[in-house]
Structures are given as C-alpha cells and as structure tokens.
C-alpha atoms as a PDB file:
ATOM      1  CA  MET A   1      75.874 100.713  85.197  1.00  0.00           C
ATOM      2  CA  SER A   2      73.117 102.136  82.562  1.00  0.00           C
ATOM      3  CA  ASP A   3      69.792 101.867  81.368  1.00  0.00           C
ATOM      4  CA  GLU A   4      71.399 101.411  77.804  1.00  0.00           C
ATOM      5  CA  PHE A   5      72.871  97.972  79.702  1.00  0.00           C
ATOM      6  CA  PRO A   6      70.403  96.952  81.724  1.00  0.00           C
ATOM      7  CA  SER A   7      72.056  93.911  82.470  1.00  0.00           C
ATOM      8  CA  ASP A   8      75.305  95.055  83.763  1.00  0.00           C
ATOM      9  CA  ILE A   9      75.191  95.844  87.260  1.00  0.00           C
ATOM     10  CA  LYS A  10      79.088  94.608  88.511  1.00  0.00           C
ATOM     11  CA  THR A  11      80.715  96.644  90.566  1.00  0.00           C
ATOM     12  CA  GLU A  12      84.426  97.362  90.372  1.00  0.00           C
ATOM     13  CA  ASP A  13      86.994  97.813  93.303  1.00  0.00           C
ATOM     14  CA  PHE A  14      86.917 101.854  91.827  1.00  0.00           C
ATOM     15  CA  ILE A  15      83.656 102.963  90.951  1.00  0.00           C
ATOM     16  CA  LYS A  16      83.417 106.064  88.054  1.00  0.00           C
ATOM     17  CA  ASN A  17      80.949 108.617  89.158  1.00  0.00           C
ATOM     18  CA  MET A  18      80.161 112.434  87.686  1.00  0.00           C
ATOM     19  CA  ASP A  19      81.461 113.862  90.900  1.00  0.00           C
ATOM     20  CA  GLY A  20      84.755 112.587  89.967  1.00  0.00           C
ATOM     21  CA  LEU A  21      85.064 110.989  93.415  1.00  0.00           C
ATOM     22  CA  LEU A  22      87.262 108.292  94.337  1.00  0.00           C
ATOM     23  CA  VAL A  23      84.218 105.622  95.386  1.00  0.00           C
ATOM     24  CA  VAL A  24      85.960 101.946  96.307  1.00  0.00           C
ATOM     25  CA  SER A  25      84.504  99.109  97.864  1.00  0.00           C
ATOM     26  CA  ALA A  26      85.656  97.333 100.512  1.00  0.00           C
ATOM     27  CA  ARG A  27      88.224  95.120  99.331  1.00  0.00           C
ATOM     28  CA  ALA A  28      90.041  98.136  97.668  1.00  0.00           C
ATOM     29  CA  ARG A  29      89.713  99.976 101.253  1.00  0.00           C
ATOM     30  CA  GLU A  30      91.154  96.959 102.680  1.00  0.00           C
ATOM     31  CA  ILE A  31      94.278  97.010 100.140  1.00  0.00           C
ATOM     32  CA  LEU A  32      94.998 101.001 100.514  1.00  0.00           C
ATOM     33  CA  GLU A  33      94.508 101.438 104.496  1.00  0.00           C
ATOM     34  CA  GLY A  34      97.906  99.649 104.828  1.00  0.00           C
ATOM     35  CA  GLN A  35      99.424 102.279 102.387  1.00  0.00           C
ATOM     36  CA  SER A  36     100.563 105.825 102.355  1.00  0.00           C
ATOM     37  CA  LEU A  37      97.062 107.425 102.836  1.00  0.00           C
ATOM     38  CA  LYS A  38      98.191 110.339 104.911  1.00  0.00           C
ATOM     39  CA  ASN A  39      95.848 113.434 104.748  1.00  0.00           C
ATOM     40  CA  ASN A  40      93.078 110.771 103.390  1.00  0.00           C
ATOM     41  CA  GLU A  41      89.126 109.053 104.859  1.00  0.00           C
ATOM     42  CA  PHE A  42      87.043 106.589 104.216  1.00  0.00           C
ATOM     43  CA  LEU A  43      83.941 107.596 104.589  1.00  0.00           C
ATOM     44  CA  PRO A  44      80.826 105.180 104.186  1.00  0.00           C
ATOM     45  CA  VAL A  45      78.497 105.726 100.793  1.00  0.00           C
ATOM     46  CA  SER A  46      75.733 103.803  99.141  1.00  0.00           C
ATOM     47  CA  ILE A  47      75.468 102.703  95.942  1.00  0.00           C
ATOM     48  CA  ILE A  48      72.177 102.885  94.105  1.00  0.00           C
ATOM     49  CA  ASN A  49      71.736 101.067  91.044  1.00  0.00           C
ATOM     50  CA  HIS A  50      69.933 101.722  87.681  1.00  0.00           C
ATOM     51  CA  LYS A  51      67.420  99.826  88.873  1.00  0.00           C
ATOM     52  CA  ASP A  52      66.706 102.046  91.703  1.00  0.00           C
ATOM     53  CA  ARG A  53      68.113  99.074  93.778  1.00  0.00           C
ATOM     54  CA  LYS A  54      70.949  99.545  96.408  1.00  0.00           C
ATOM     55  CA  GLU A  55      74.071  97.466  95.950  1.00  0.00           C
ATOM     56  CA  LYS A  56      75.586  95.012  98.081  1.00  0.00           C
ATOM     57  CA  GLY A  57      78.647  97.001 100.133  1.00  0.00           C
ATOM     58  CA  PRO A  58      79.916  98.265 101.825  1.00  0.00           C
ATOM     59  CA  PHE A  59      81.355 101.137  99.622  1.00  0.00           C
ATOM     60  CA  PHE A  60      83.218 104.484 100.279  1.00  0.00           C
ATOM     61  CA  ILE A  61      84.346 107.777  99.179  1.00  0.00           C
ATOM     62  CA  LEU A  62      88.210 108.034  99.354  1.00  0.00           C
ATOM     63  CA  HIS A  63      88.304 111.699 100.083  1.00  0.00           C
ATOM     64  CA  GLN A  64      91.874 113.646  99.913  1.00  0.00           C
ATOM     65  CA  VAL A  65      91.377 116.068 103.012  1.00  0.00           C
ATOM     66  CA  LEU A  66      94.838 118.596 101.790  1.00  0.00           C
ATOM     67  CA  LEU A  67      95.427 119.346  98.484  1.00  0.00           C
ATOM     68  CA  GLN A  68      98.892 119.359  97.425  1.00  0.00           C
ATOM     69  CA  ASP A  69     100.647 122.523  95.992  1.00  0.00           C
ATOM     70  CA  CYS A  70     103.186 121.006  93.908  1.00  0.00           C
ATOM     71  CA  VAL A  71     102.278 122.239  90.021  1.00  0.00           C
ATOM     72  CA  ASP A  72     105.469 123.264  88.374  1.00  0.00           C
ATOM     73  CA  SER A  73     103.969 126.609  86.939  1.00  0.00           C
ATOM     74  CA  GLY A  74     107.641 126.022  84.520  1.00  0.00           C
ATOM     75  CA  LYS A  75     106.668 123.068  83.066  1.00  0.00           C
ATOM     76  CA  THR A  76     103.081 123.114  82.848  1.00  0.00           C
ATOM     77  CA  VAL A  77     101.081 124.647  80.115  1.00  0.00           C
ATOM     78  CA  ALA A  78      97.013 125.378  80.998  1.00  0.00           C
ATOM     79  CA  LYS A  79      94.613 127.811  81.251  1.00  0.00           C
ATOM     80  CA  GLU A  80      93.675 129.591  84.352  1.00  0.00           C
ATOM     81  CA  ASN A  81      90.078 130.209  84.984  1.00  0.00           C
ATOM     82  CA  PRO A  82      89.073 133.472  84.486  1.00  0.00           C
ATOM     83  CA  ILE A  83      86.908 133.608  87.651  1.00  0.00           C
ATOM     84  CA  ASN A  84      89.046 132.066  90.013  1.00  0.00           C
ATOM     85  CA  PRO A  85      93.118 132.154  88.708  1.00  0.00           C
ATOM     86  CA  GLU A  86      94.298 129.895  91.410  1.00  0.00           C
ATOM     87  CA  LEU A  87      92.436 127.098  89.200  1.00  0.00           C
ATOM     88  CA  PHE A  88      93.414 125.562  85.551  1.00  0.00           C
ATOM     89  CA  ILE A  89      90.340 125.201  83.564  1.00  0.00           C
ATOM     90  CA  SER A  90      92.480 122.894  81.122  1.00  0.00           C
ATOM     91  CA  VAL A  91      95.600 121.598  81.359  1.00  0.00           C
ATOM     92  CA  SER A  92      97.674 120.843  77.714  1.00  0.00           C
ATOM     93  CA  LYS A  93     100.917 119.701  79.975  1.00  0.00           C
ATOM     94  CA  LEU A  94     101.891 118.824  83.020  1.00  0.00           C
ATOM     95  CA  GLY A  95     104.758 119.046  85.213  1.00  0.00           C
ATOM     96  CA  LEU A  96     104.906 118.483  88.666  1.00  0.00           C
ATOM     97  CA  ASP A  97     107.311 119.427  91.243  1.00  0.00           C
ATOM     98  CA  GLU A  98     108.115 116.508  93.466  1.00  0.00           C
ATOM     99  CA  GLN A  99     109.877 118.279  96.130  1.00  0.00           C
ATOM    100  CA  ARG A 100     106.497 119.901  96.772  1.00  0.00           C
ATOM    101  CA  ILE A 101     104.200 116.655  97.757  1.00  0.00           C
ATOM    102  CA  ASP A 102     104.522 115.693 100.955  1.00  0.00           C
ATOM    103  CA  PRO A 103     106.556 112.180 101.069  1.00  0.00           C
ATOM    104  CA  GLU A 104     104.158 110.758 103.402  1.00  0.00           C
ATOM    105  CA  VAL A 105     101.077 111.203 100.745  1.00  0.00           C
ATOM    106  CA  GLY A 106     100.833 108.163  98.278  1.00  0.00           C
ATOM    107  CA  LEU A 107      97.459 109.535  97.084  1.00  0.00           C
ATOM    108  CA  PHE A 108      96.361 113.330  96.600  1.00  0.00           C
ATOM    109  CA  ARG A 109      94.685 116.368  94.872  1.00  0.00           C
ATOM    110  CA  MET A 110      96.710 119.023  93.070  1.00  0.00           C
ATOM    111  CA  ARG A 111      95.500 122.287  94.584  1.00  0.00           C
ATOM    112  CA  ARG A 112      95.349 124.265  91.068  1.00  0.00           C
ATOM    113  CA  ILE A 113      93.744 121.149  89.514  1.00  0.00           C
ATOM    114  CA  PRO A 114      91.724 119.219  92.506  1.00  0.00           C
ATOM    115  CA  ASP A 115      89.406 117.283  89.951  1.00  0.00           C
ATOM    116  CA  TYR A 116      91.881 115.028  89.367  1.00  0.00           C
ATOM    117  CA  PRO A 117      93.388 112.166  92.129  1.00  0.00           C
ATOM    118  CA  VAL A 118      97.101 111.889  91.843  1.00  0.00           C
ATOM    119  CA  PHE A 119      98.615 108.249  92.798  1.00  0.00           C
ATOM    120  CA  ARG A 120     102.150 107.604  94.024  1.00  0.00           C
ATOM    121  CA  ASP A 121     104.055 104.742  91.544  1.00  0.00           C
ATOM    122  CA  ASP A 122     104.752 102.821  94.541  1.00  0.00           C
ATOM    123  CA  LEU A 123     100.884 102.742  95.400  1.00  0.00           C
ATOM    124  CA  VAL A 124      99.965 102.586  91.708  1.00  0.00           C
ATOM    125  CA  GLY A 125     102.378  99.096  91.800  1.00  0.00           C
ATOM    126  CA  LYS A 126     100.509  97.595  94.834  1.00  0.00           C
ATOM    127  CA  ILE A 127      96.498  98.760  93.546  1.00  0.00           C
ATOM    128  CA  LYS A 128      97.816  96.466  90.614  1.00  0.00           C
ATOM    129  CA  ALA A 129      99.545  93.684  92.389  1.00  0.00           C
ATOM    130  CA  ALA A 130      95.802  93.194  94.050  1.00  0.00           C
ATOM    131  CA  GLY A 131      94.248  93.041  90.978  1.00  0.00           C
ATOM    132  CA  LEU A 132      91.609  96.225  91.994  1.00  0.00           C
ATOM    133  CA  THR A 133      89.888  97.202  89.213  1.00  0.00           C
ATOM    134  CA  GLY A 134      88.409 100.388  87.847  1.00  0.00           C
ATOM    135  CA  LEU A 135      90.872 102.661  87.397  1.00  0.00           C
ATOM    136  CA  LYS A 136      93.286 103.789  84.625  1.00  0.00           C
ATOM    137  CA  PHE A 137      96.783 105.301  85.169  1.00  0.00           C
ATOM    138  CA  ILE A 138      98.595 107.702  83.351  1.00  0.00           C
ATOM    139  CA  GLN A 139     101.966 109.752  83.928  1.00  0.00           C
ATOM    140  CA  PRO A 140     101.878 113.389  84.640  1.00  0.00           C
ATOM    141  CA  ASP A 141     103.733 114.149  81.386  1.00  0.00           C
ATOM    142  CA  ALA A 142     101.102 111.981  79.476  1.00  0.00           C
ATOM    143  CA  PHE A 143      98.438 114.179  81.075  1.00  0.00           C
ATOM    144  CA  SER A 144      96.016 116.587  79.034  1.00  0.00           C
ATOM    145  CA  ASP A 145      92.190 117.490  80.126  1.00  0.00           C
END
C-alpha cells in the first residue's frame, strides 16, 4: 500500500511493515497454527491502509517469544554492535549451529540478529504448498544484511 500506487490495496498473507514484524492474515494463521510454533503467539492487530481505511481482517502479529542462541560464531562473519556487543549490526556471512536450536521450534528469531525471522525448511515447504503470499525465503548461507 502506497500513495504512489493508490489502486493497490490488496493485502497478502504475510504483510511487510517497517517494524520487521510478522503480520499475517487469518488464512496464514489457520495454516500455521497446526505447525511447530512453540514459543510463538498470535496477537490481533488492525491494518490501516494508505487511504486511512481499516482493512478487512482479521490480521495478527506472529510474535516469536523466545530468541534462539544459535549463531555459530566460527562460521559467521559479522560486525558487533559497539553499544551492545551481544548483537550484530551487520552480517556478511551467517552460520547456524543447529544443535543449539530447539527441535520443536519451526519459526524463531536469533538472539544476536533478532530482526530476521528464521523458518525451518519443513515449515517453508508447508507455507509454499498452501500458496501463502508475501514472503521471500533465503537459505542461511546466502544471508547478508
């Protein structure tokens, strides 16, 4: 939704936003609720379009409650945040230690890079099979910000 494209007001199943939150449609919630979403919660939210009108919903923030401490520092090339060295401010190469990821969690955020949600491959397959729209997936070894 943009003033530059006044006729484009369609919402997708995953809605991009400036805060990096996962905002999902009721359809996406229905598909995802039966998956491995341990440590995730759905919070109701309203969408106001660029014409200042409320979109028909419902919509939800899909919130990752617990961060996974899973970045493999030996395989990751990143610049630490000078204010908070526990966080990275940029990543040119990402390595994950899968042994440190809760096997019951299909969607999570990383403790050192909390701005990006991570989806397990089986969950990505289910999202694609359901035809949910609005997300682009990349493999961790191709990630850089």
